[in-house]
Amino acid sequence: MIKKIGLCPEIKVCSFLILVFALILSACGLDTFYYLDSPLFSTSPVTTDNEESVKNFFSCRTNEESSSGNNHLYFDSSSDFRFLGTEIYYKIYNNKNTMLSVESTVDNMISSTTSYSSAADYLIETKGYKSLKISSGSTPFPLVKATSSPNNRHVYIRLNNSDNGDFRSAICIGESPMTRYVDGTSLSVGGVEVAPRRNSNSAHGFDFSTSDEANPVPSEGDSDVEYSSSATESGVWFVDMYAVSVGRDATYTNSYSQPYRMGAIKITVSES
């Protein structure tokens, strides 16, 4: 007599789970990951050690052309993934060492090939870096929109006013590196030139003052502030800024490049 050999209960359960898992994979498909190249160097990143207010500006260069990466591949209208442009993220600190610790963590993530996708997520999701806003109209996303065809452009951002002329608060986008406001390059929305504003309240600027309601001193509860009970220096704040390339797939899911550090500036509160 030939005996029929049955599977033990444990094997039956295991086989069932494997079958269910396989069906899920075949139904959903595997996630597709897109690699985006980060923005590029334009002028030297600004540092908090700088004592010349006219040099307190941020800069980067958008990364769109084929000679500087692969983002140009995502300009094809038939592609499931599209390059959207370059977004600017910032955070305000009252403790410099706290800011430097975040910068060091980001640098380590960028240098690690296994942490490619985590650096931007760390800044935006974990540390709460916010998108820069503008003084008039709705802020576009990303702030620096992609051109109709790949074209690298230089971005210049001055948060606070050194004067009302060449060193005014401004966002400029041009074909050459900039160290001051340049006529004809200012970002405009609805035909109106715009200046940078805080994400926590787009009516508020970065000329921190105890007497100017349009430029209030940052406080602990502000969404764009990392507040410490032990400030580095009374009345002194630090603004850290990064640029990130942004793309979007057919499901409207955004993807980000590694962040490019534009630097950090020191802002002293004005009493008048």
C-alpha atoms as a PDB file:
ATOM      1  CA  MET A   1       0.000   0.000   0.000  1.00  0.00           C
ATOM      2  CA  ILE A   2       1.264   3.385  -0.897  1.00  0.00           C
ATOM      3  CA  LYS A   3       0.806   5.934   1.876  1.00  0.00           C
ATOM      4  CA  LYS A   4      -0.115   9.500   1.064  1.00  0.00           C
ATOM      5  CA  ILE A   5       2.306  11.958   2.630  1.00  0.00           C
ATOM      6  CA  GLY A   6       0.643  15.162   3.884  1.00  0.00           C
ATOM      7  CA  LEU A   7       2.261  18.464   4.825  1.00  0.00           C
ATOM      8  CA  CYS A   8       2.569  19.273   8.498  1.00  0.00           C
ATOM      9  CA  PRO A   9       0.471  22.250   9.699  1.00  0.00           C
ATOM     10  CA  GLU A  10       3.549  24.499  10.045  1.00  0.00           C
ATOM     11  CA  ILE A  11       4.563  23.969   6.417  1.00  0.00           C
ATOM     12  CA  LYS A  12       0.992  24.564   5.223  1.00  0.00           C
ATOM     13  CA  VAL A  13       0.852  27.893   7.071  1.00  0.00           C
ATOM     14  CA  CYS A  14       4.267  28.937   5.737  1.00  0.00           C
ATOM     15  CA  SER A  15       3.312  28.058   2.153  1.00  0.00           C
ATOM     16  CA  PHE A  16       0.079  30.015   2.478  1.00  0.00           C
ATOM     17  CA  LEU A  17       1.893  33.106   3.721  1.00  0.00           C
ATOM     18  CA  ILE A  18       4.410  32.927   0.891  1.00  0.00           C
ATOM     19  CA  LEU A  19       1.563  32.676  -1.631  1.00  0.00           C
ATOM     20  CA  VAL A  20      -0.239  35.676  -0.119  1.00  0.00           C
ATOM     21  CA  PHE A  21       2.985  37.726  -0.128  1.00  0.00           C
ATOM     22  CA  ALA A  22       3.636  36.853  -3.773  1.00  0.00           C
ATOM     23  CA  LEU A  23       0.105  37.867  -4.753  1.00  0.00           C
ATOM     24  CA  ILE A  24       0.507  41.214  -2.989  1.00  0.00           C
ATOM     25  CA  LEU A  25       3.779  41.900  -4.802  1.00  0.00           C
ATOM     26  CA  SER A  26       2.325  40.973  -8.182  1.00  0.00           C
ATOM     27  CA  ALA A  27      -0.720  43.158  -7.595  1.00  0.00           C
ATOM     28  CA  CYS A  28       1.091  46.225  -6.275  1.00  0.00           C
ATOM     29  CA  GLY A  29       4.400  46.027  -8.084  1.00  0.00           C
ATOM     30  CA  LEU A  30       7.689  47.220  -6.663  1.00  0.00           C
ATOM     31  CA  ASP A  31       8.281  50.878  -5.793  1.00  0.00           C
ATOM     32  CA  THR A  32      10.253  52.859  -8.324  1.00  0.00           C
ATOM     33  CA  PHE A  33      12.957  55.170  -7.035  1.00  0.00           C
ATOM     34  CA  TYR A  34      14.206  58.162  -9.010  1.00  0.00           C
ATOM     35  CA  TYR A  35      17.638  59.661  -8.549  1.00  0.00           C
ATOM     36  CA  LEU A  36      17.823  63.463  -8.599  1.00  0.00           C
ATOM     37  CA  ASP A  37      21.057  65.437  -8.727  1.00  0.00           C
ATOM     38  CA  SER A  38      21.399  68.147  -6.094  1.00  0.00           C
ATOM     39  CA  PRO A  39      21.724  71.879  -6.825  1.00  0.00           C
ATOM     40  CA  LEU A  40      25.197  73.210  -7.511  1.00  0.00           C
ATOM     41  CA  PHE A  41      27.774  75.696  -6.237  1.00  0.00           C
ATOM     42  CA  SER A  42      27.348  79.308  -7.365  1.00  0.00           C
ATOM     43  CA  THR A  43      29.310  81.459  -4.918  1.00  0.00           C
ATOM     44  CA  SER A  44      30.895  80.358  -1.643  1.00  0.00           C
ATOM     45  CA  PRO A  45      28.385  79.324   1.059  1.00  0.00           C
ATOM     46  CA  VAL A  46      27.888  82.142   3.549  1.00  0.00           C
ATOM     47  CA  THR A  47      29.103  81.656   7.142  1.00  0.00           C
ATOM     48  CA  THR A  48      28.000  83.052  10.495  1.00  0.00           C
ATOM     49  CA  ASP A  49      31.544  84.348  11.068  1.00  0.00           C
ATOM     50  CA  ASN A  50      31.050  86.978   8.384  1.00  0.00           C
ATOM     51  CA  GLU A  51      30.933  90.481   9.855  1.00  0.00           C
ATOM     52  CA  GLU A  52      30.145  92.343   6.615  1.00  0.00           C
ATOM     53  CA  SER A  53      26.393  92.599   6.225  1.00  0.00           C
ATOM     54  CA  VAL A  54      26.613  93.071   2.441  1.00  0.00           C
ATOM     55  CA  LYS A  55      28.065  89.559   2.199  1.00  0.00           C
ATOM     56  CA  ASN A  56      25.189  87.968   4.101  1.00  0.00           C
ATOM     57  CA  PHE A  57      23.435  86.347   1.161  1.00  0.00           C
ATOM     58  CA  PHE A  58      22.737  82.759   0.071  1.00  0.00           C
ATOM     59  CA  SER A  59      23.385  81.323  -3.371  1.00  0.00           C
ATOM     60  CA  CYS A  60      23.216  78.151  -5.426  1.00  0.00           C
ATOM     61  CA  ARG A  61      22.875  77.055  -9.043  1.00  0.00           C
ATOM     62  CA  THR A  62      19.978  74.955 -10.296  1.00  0.00           C
ATOM     63  CA  ASN A  63      20.931  71.590 -11.767  1.00  0.00           C
ATOM     64  CA  GLU A  64      19.083  70.995 -15.041  1.00  0.00           C
ATOM     65  CA  GLU A  65      21.531  70.657 -17.916  1.00  0.00           C
ATOM     66  CA  SER A  66      22.933  67.339 -19.160  1.00  0.00           C
ATOM     67  CA  SER A  67      26.517  68.507 -18.541  1.00  0.00           C
ATOM     68  CA  SER A  68      25.911  68.670 -14.777  1.00  0.00           C
ATOM     69  CA  GLY A  69      23.806  65.585 -14.054  1.00  0.00           C
ATOM     70  CA  ASN A  70      20.794  63.519 -15.079  1.00  0.00           C
ATOM     71  CA  ASN A  71      17.946  65.839 -14.099  1.00  0.00           C
ATOM     72  CA  HIS A  72      17.575  66.805 -17.765  1.00  0.00           C
ATOM     73  CA  LEU A  73      16.132  63.333 -18.397  1.00  0.00           C
ATOM     74  CA  TYR A  74      13.027  64.310 -16.429  1.00  0.00           C
ATOM     75  CA  PHE A  75      11.973  67.186 -18.713  1.00  0.00           C
ATOM     76  CA  ASP A  76      10.325  64.854 -21.237  1.00  0.00           C
ATOM     77  CA  SER A  77       6.561  65.422 -21.109  1.00  0.00           C
ATOM     78  CA  SER A  78       5.969  61.721 -21.776  1.00  0.00           C
ATOM     79  CA  SER A  79       7.962  60.680 -18.727  1.00  0.00           C
ATOM     80  CA  ASP A  80       6.166  59.324 -15.649  1.00  0.00           C
ATOM     81  CA  PHE A  81       8.554  61.392 -13.539  1.00  0.00           C
ATOM     82  CA  ARG A  82       9.003  65.142 -13.971  1.00  0.00           C
ATOM     83  CA  PHE A  83      11.661  67.548 -12.701  1.00  0.00           C
ATOM     84  CA  LEU A  84       9.811  70.387 -10.949  1.00  0.00           C
ATOM     85  CA  GLY A  85      12.625  72.715  -9.951  1.00  0.00           C
ATOM     86  CA  THR A  86      14.595  73.782  -6.883  1.00  0.00           C
ATOM     87  CA  GLU A  87      13.107  74.318  -3.435  1.00  0.00           C
ATOM     88  CA  ILE A  88      14.691  76.378  -0.634  1.00  0.00           C
ATOM     89  CA  TYR A  89      14.466  75.217   2.989  1.00  0.00           C
ATOM     90  CA  TYR A  90      15.584  77.066   6.128  1.00  0.00           C
ATOM     91  CA  LYS A  91      15.514  76.942   9.920  1.00  0.00           C
ATOM     92  CA  ILE A  92      16.090  79.610  12.598  1.00  0.00           C
ATOM     93  CA  TYR A  93      18.215  78.824  15.677  1.00  0.00           C
ATOM     94  CA  ASN A  94      19.239  80.732  18.797  1.00  0.00           C
ATOM     95  CA  ASN A  95      21.975  78.196  19.625  1.00  0.00           C
ATOM     96  CA  LYS A  96      24.758  77.938  17.056  1.00  0.00           C
ATOM     97  CA  ASN A  97      26.029  74.554  18.269  1.00  0.00           C
ATOM     98  CA  THR A  98      22.580  73.015  17.800  1.00  0.00           C
ATOM     99  CA  MET A  99      22.603  74.233  14.212  1.00  0.00           C
ATOM    100  CA  LEU A 100      26.144  72.958  13.610  1.00  0.00           C
ATOM    101  CA  SER A 101      25.138  69.536  14.934  1.00  0.00           C
ATOM    102  CA  VAL A 102      22.323  69.332  12.380  1.00  0.00           C
ATOM    103  CA  GLU A 103      24.669  70.417   9.590  1.00  0.00           C
ATOM    104  CA  SER A 104      27.180  67.738  10.617  1.00  0.00           C
ATOM    105  CA  THR A 105      24.488  65.038  10.568  1.00  0.00           C
ATOM    106  CA  VAL A 106      23.388  66.112   7.088  1.00  0.00           C
ATOM    107  CA  ASP A 107      27.000  66.146   5.847  1.00  0.00           C
ATOM    108  CA  ASN A 108      27.475  62.585   7.123  1.00  0.00           C
ATOM    109  CA  MET A 109      24.295  61.423   5.414  1.00  0.00           C
ATOM    110  CA  ILE A 110      25.330  63.014   2.131  1.00  0.00           C
ATOM    111  CA  SER A 111      28.757  61.378   2.246  1.00  0.00           C
ATOM    112  CA  SER A 112      27.199  57.956   2.875  1.00  0.00           C
ATOM    113  CA  THR A 113      25.986  56.196  -0.267  1.00  0.00           C
ATOM    114  CA  THR A 114      23.562  54.144   1.856  1.00  0.00           C
ATOM    115  CA  SER A 115      21.862  57.281   3.202  1.00  0.00           C
ATOM    116  CA  TYR A 116      21.112  58.995  -0.112  1.00  0.00           C
ATOM    117  CA  SER A 117      17.390  59.433   0.375  1.00  0.00           C
ATOM    118  CA  SER A 118      17.498  60.205   4.086  1.00  0.00           C
ATOM    119  CA  ALA A 119      19.335  63.570   4.150  1.00  0.00           C
ATOM    120  CA  ALA A 120      16.461  65.665   2.752  1.00  0.00           C
ATOM    121  CA  ASP A 121      13.922  63.665   4.783  1.00  0.00           C
ATOM    122  CA  TYR A 122      15.971  64.339   7.919  1.00  0.00           C
ATOM    123  CA  LEU A 123      15.972  68.091   7.282  1.00  0.00           C
ATOM    124  CA  ILE A 124      12.321  68.389   6.297  1.00  0.00           C
ATOM    125  CA  GLU A 125      10.564  65.688   8.311  1.00  0.00           C
ATOM    126  CA  THR A 126      12.768  65.238  11.383  1.00  0.00           C
ATOM    127  CA  LYS A 127      14.253  68.706  11.932  1.00  0.00           C
ATOM    128  CA  GLY A 128      11.337  70.667  10.522  1.00  0.00           C
ATOM    129  CA  TYR A 129      13.133  72.853   7.995  1.00  0.00           C
ATOM    130  CA  LYS A 130      10.554  75.018   6.222  1.00  0.00           C
ATOM    131  CA  SER A 131      10.092  76.247   2.666  1.00  0.00           C
ATOM    132  CA  LEU A 132      10.941  79.904   2.177  1.00  0.00           C
ATOM    133  CA  LYS A 133       7.877  82.085   1.514  1.00  0.00           C
ATOM    134  CA  ILE A 134       7.457  85.302  -0.472  1.00  0.00           C
ATOM    135  CA  SER A 135       6.114  88.793   0.229  1.00  0.00           C
ATOM    136  CA  SER A 136       3.261  88.866  -2.300  1.00  0.00           C
ATOM    137  CA  GLY A 137       0.953  86.323  -3.893  1.00  0.00           C
ATOM    138  CA  SER A 138       1.057  82.551  -3.471  1.00  0.00           C
ATOM    139  CA  THR A 139       4.507  81.048  -3.028  1.00  0.00           C
ATOM    140  CA  PRO A 140       5.236  78.667  -5.929  1.00  0.00           C
ATOM    141  CA  PHE A 141       6.393  75.120  -5.221  1.00  0.00           C
ATOM    142  CA  PRO A 142       9.181  74.697  -5.738  1.00  0.00           C
ATOM    143  CA  LEU A 143      10.313  78.296  -5.303  1.00  0.00           C
ATOM    144  CA  VAL A 144      12.548  78.178  -8.399  1.00  0.00           C
ATOM    145  CA  LYS A 145      10.426  76.523 -11.070  1.00  0.00           C
ATOM    146  CA  ALA A 146      12.065  74.402 -13.764  1.00  0.00           C
ATOM    147  CA  THR A 147      12.436  76.076 -17.144  1.00  0.00           C
ATOM    148  CA  SER A 148      10.658  74.734 -20.232  1.00  0.00           C
ATOM    149  CA  SER A 149      13.960  73.169 -21.312  1.00  0.00           C
ATOM    150  CA  PRO A 150      17.010  72.310 -19.161  1.00  0.00           C
ATOM    151  CA  ASN A 151      18.871  75.494 -18.213  1.00  0.00           C
ATOM    152  CA  ASN A 152      21.061  75.953 -15.141  1.00  0.00           C
ATOM    153  CA  ARG A 153      20.436  79.286 -13.403  1.00  0.00           C
ATOM    154  CA  HIS A 154      22.060  81.085 -10.488  1.00  0.00           C
ATOM    155  CA  VAL A 155      19.935  81.837  -7.418  1.00  0.00           C
ATOM    156  CA  TYR A 156      20.672  84.734  -5.047  1.00  0.00           C
ATOM    157  CA  ILE A 157      18.743  85.225  -1.787  1.00  0.00           C
ATOM    158  CA  ARG A 158      19.214  88.048   0.720  1.00  0.00           C
ATOM    159  CA  LEU A 159      16.937  87.690   3.739  1.00  0.00           C
ATOM    160  CA  ASN A 160      17.373  91.084   5.389  1.00  0.00           C
ATOM    161  CA  ASN A 161      18.014  94.607   4.196  1.00  0.00           C
ATOM    162  CA  SER A 162      21.445  96.223   4.276  1.00  0.00           C
ATOM    163  CA  ASP A 163      19.964  99.113   2.279  1.00  0.00           C
ATOM    164  CA  ASN A 164      17.111  99.725  -0.133  1.00  0.00           C
ATOM    165  CA  GLY A 165      19.285  99.457  -3.240  1.00  0.00           C
ATOM    166  CA  ASP A 166      21.756  96.797  -4.323  1.00  0.00           C
ATOM    167  CA  PHE A 167      21.644  95.078  -0.927  1.00  0.00           C
ATOM    168  CA  ARG A 168      17.892  94.972  -0.368  1.00  0.00           C
ATOM    169  CA  SER A 169      16.051  91.832   0.702  1.00  0.00           C
ATOM    170  CA  ALA A 170      15.505  89.949  -2.564  1.00  0.00           C
ATOM    171  CA  ILE A 171      15.304  86.697  -4.513  1.00  0.00           C
ATOM    172  CA  CYS A 172      17.129  86.932  -7.834  1.00  0.00           C
ATOM    173  CA  ILE A 173      17.458  84.267 -10.545  1.00  0.00           C
ATOM    174  CA  GLY A 174      19.906  84.875 -13.387  1.00  0.00           C
ATOM    175  CA  GLU A 175      22.387  83.448 -15.848  1.00  0.00           C
ATOM    176  CA  SER A 176      25.498  84.507 -13.881  1.00  0.00           C
ATOM    177  CA  PRO A 177      26.597  84.377 -10.213  1.00  0.00           C
ATOM    178  CA  MET A 178      25.317  87.346  -8.195  1.00  0.00           C
ATOM    179  CA  THR A 179      26.549  89.046  -5.036  1.00  0.00           C
ATOM    180  CA  ARG A 180      23.901  91.796  -4.978  1.00  0.00           C
ATOM    181  CA  TYR A 181      20.482  92.656  -6.369  1.00  0.00           C
ATOM    182  CA  VAL A 182      20.499  92.766 -10.178  1.00  0.00           C
ATOM    183  CA  ASP A 183      17.793  94.575 -12.152  1.00  0.00           C
ATOM    184  CA  GLY A 184      15.715  92.268 -14.303  1.00  0.00           C
ATOM    185  CA  THR A 185      16.488  89.102 -12.306  1.00  0.00           C
ATOM    186  CA  SER A 186      14.166  89.492  -9.315  1.00  0.00           C
ATOM    187  CA  LEU A 187      11.605  86.740  -8.816  1.00  0.00           C
ATOM    188  CA  SER A 188       8.164  88.076  -9.708  1.00  0.00           C
ATOM    189  CA  VAL A 189       4.717  86.656  -9.011  1.00  0.00           C
ATOM    190  CA  GLY A 190       1.770  88.145 -10.870  1.00  0.00           C
ATOM    191  CA  GLY A 191       4.061  90.826 -12.256  1.00  0.00           C
ATOM    192  CA  VAL A 192       5.127  91.943  -8.772  1.00  0.00           C
ATOM    193  CA  GLU A 193       8.710  91.619  -7.496  1.00  0.00           C
ATOM    194  CA  VAL A 194       8.780  89.573  -4.303  1.00  0.00           C
ATOM    195  CA  ALA A 195      11.145  89.312  -1.339  1.00  0.00           C
ATOM    196  CA  PRO A 196      11.734  86.401   1.071  1.00  0.00           C
ATOM    197  CA  ARG A 197       9.408  85.939   4.029  1.00  0.00           C
ATOM    198  CA  ARG A 198       9.141  83.484   6.907  1.00  0.00           C
ATOM    199  CA  ASN A 199       7.156  80.269   6.611  1.00  0.00           C
ATOM    200  CA  SER A 200       5.583  80.643  10.073  1.00  0.00           C
ATOM    201  CA  ASN A 201       3.907  83.847   8.868  1.00  0.00           C
ATOM    202  CA  SER A 202       4.424  85.032   5.288  1.00  0.00           C
ATOM    203  CA  ALA A 203       3.845  88.646   6.402  1.00  0.00           C
ATOM    204  CA  HIS A 204       6.972  88.508   8.564  1.00  0.00           C
ATOM    205  CA  GLY A 205      10.475  89.292   7.323  1.00  0.00           C
ATOM    206  CA  PHE A 206      13.954  88.564   8.641  1.00  0.00           C
ATOM    207  CA  ASP A 207      14.964  92.062   9.856  1.00  0.00           C
ATOM    208  CA  PHE A 208      14.312  90.957  13.426  1.00  0.00           C
ATOM    209  CA  SER A 209      13.275  93.926  15.557  1.00  0.00           C
ATOM    210  CA  THR A 210      11.659  94.525  18.932  1.00  0.00           C
ATOM    211  CA  SER A 211       9.668  97.462  17.533  1.00  0.00           C
ATOM    212  CA  ASP A 212       8.762  96.410  13.969  1.00  0.00           C
ATOM    213  CA  GLU A 213       5.593  94.320  13.761  1.00  0.00           C
ATOM    214  CA  ALA A 214       6.499  93.252  10.214  1.00  0.00           C
ATOM    215  CA  ASN A 215       9.782  91.751  11.452  1.00  0.00           C
ATOM    216  CA  PRO A 216       9.123  90.323  14.917  1.00  0.00           C
ATOM    217  CA  VAL A 217      11.797  88.580  16.941  1.00  0.00           C
ATOM    218  CA  PRO A 218      11.534  84.770  16.577  1.00  0.00           C
ATOM    219  CA  SER A 219      10.017  82.957  19.539  1.00  0.00           C
ATOM    220  CA  GLU A 220       9.922  79.447  20.948  1.00  0.00           C
ATOM    221  CA  GLY A 221       6.528  78.550  19.514  1.00  0.00           C
ATOM    222  CA  ASP A 222       7.293  79.531  15.906  1.00  0.00           C
ATOM    223  CA  SER A 223       7.181  76.589  13.487  1.00  0.00           C
ATOM    224  CA  ASP A 224      10.396  77.683  11.737  1.00  0.00           C
ATOM    225  CA  VAL A 225      12.403  78.028  14.958  1.00  0.00           C
ATOM    226  CA  GLU A 226      14.580  75.545  16.858  1.00  0.00           C
ATOM    227  CA  TYR A 227      14.580  77.187  20.262  1.00  0.00           C
ATOM    228  CA  SER A 228      17.095  76.483  23.021  1.00  0.00           C
ATOM    229  CA  SER A 229      16.894  77.646  26.621  1.00  0.00           C
ATOM    230  CA  SER A 230      20.633  78.321  26.410  1.00  0.00           C
ATOM    231  CA  ALA A 231      21.088  80.843  23.603  1.00  0.00           C
ATOM    232  CA  THR A 232      24.558  81.300  22.165  1.00  0.00           C
ATOM    233  CA  GLU A 233      24.244  85.065  22.579  1.00  0.00           C
ATOM    234  CA  SER A 234      21.361  87.211  23.747  1.00  0.00           C
ATOM    235  CA  GLY A 235      19.574  88.907  20.875  1.00  0.00           C
ATOM    236  CA  VAL A 236      21.366  86.850  18.208  1.00  0.00           C
ATOM    237  CA  TRP A 237      19.723  84.361  15.821  1.00  0.00           C
ATOM    238  CA  PHE A 238      21.131  82.059  13.160  1.00  0.00           C
ATOM    239  CA  VAL A 239      19.404  81.134   9.883  1.00  0.00           C
ATOM    240  CA  ASP A 240      20.517  77.904   8.176  1.00  0.00           C
ATOM    241  CA  MET A 241      19.548  77.305   4.529  1.00  0.00           C
ATOM    242  CA  TYR A 242      19.583  74.438   1.998  1.00  0.00           C
ATOM    243  CA  ALA A 243      18.547  73.998  -1.639  1.00  0.00           C
ATOM    244  CA  VAL A 244      16.983  70.744  -2.900  1.00  0.00           C
ATOM    245  CA  SER A 245      16.077  69.512  -6.399  1.00  0.00           C
ATOM    246  CA  VAL A 246      12.458  68.300  -6.542  1.00  0.00           C
ATOM    247  CA  GLY A 247      10.670  65.876  -8.873  1.00  0.00           C
ATOM    248  CA  ARG A 248       7.219  64.273  -8.960  1.00  0.00           C
ATOM    249  CA  ASP A 249       5.912  60.986 -10.359  1.00  0.00           C
ATOM    250  CA  ALA A 250       2.570  60.091 -11.946  1.00  0.00           C
ATOM    251  CA  THR A 251       0.990  59.508  -8.503  1.00  0.00           C
ATOM    252  CA  TYR A 252       1.979  63.045  -7.420  1.00  0.00           C
ATOM    253  CA  THR A 253       4.565  61.710  -5.002  1.00  0.00           C
ATOM    254  CA  ASN A 254       7.497  64.096  -4.579  1.00  0.00           C
ATOM    255  CA  SER A 255      11.124  62.984  -4.609  1.00  0.00           C
ATOM    256  CA  TYR A 256      14.092  65.019  -3.402  1.00  0.00           C
ATOM    257  CA  SER A 257      17.792  65.177  -4.143  1.00  0.00           C
ATOM    258  CA  GLN A 258      20.486  65.351  -1.534  1.00  0.00           C
ATOM    259  CA  PRO A 259      20.423  68.866  -0.059  1.00  0.00           C
ATOM    260  CA  TYR A 260      22.990  71.482  -1.031  1.00  0.00           C
ATOM    261  CA  ARG A 261      24.010  73.618   1.963  1.00  0.00           C
ATOM    262  CA  MET A 262      23.855  77.303   1.058  1.00  0.00           C
ATOM    263  CA  GLY A 263      25.287  78.275   4.447  1.00  0.00           C
ATOM    264  CA  ALA A 264      24.071  80.179   7.490  1.00  0.00           C
ATOM    265  CA  ILE A 265      23.941  83.805   8.598  1.00  0.00           C
ATOM    266  CA  LYS A 266      23.821  85.573  11.951  1.00  0.00           C
ATOM    267  CA  ILE A 267      21.074  88.144  12.560  1.00  0.00           C
ATOM    268  CA  THR A 268      21.271  90.519  15.535  1.00  0.00           C
ATOM    269  CA  VAL A 269      17.967  91.856  16.847  1.00  0.00           C
ATOM    270  CA  SER A 270      17.439  95.581  16.337  1.00  0.00           C
ATOM    271  CA  GLU A 271      16.014  97.615  19.209  1.00  0.00           C
ATOM    272  CA  SER A 272      14.636 100.333  16.939  1.00  0.00           C
END
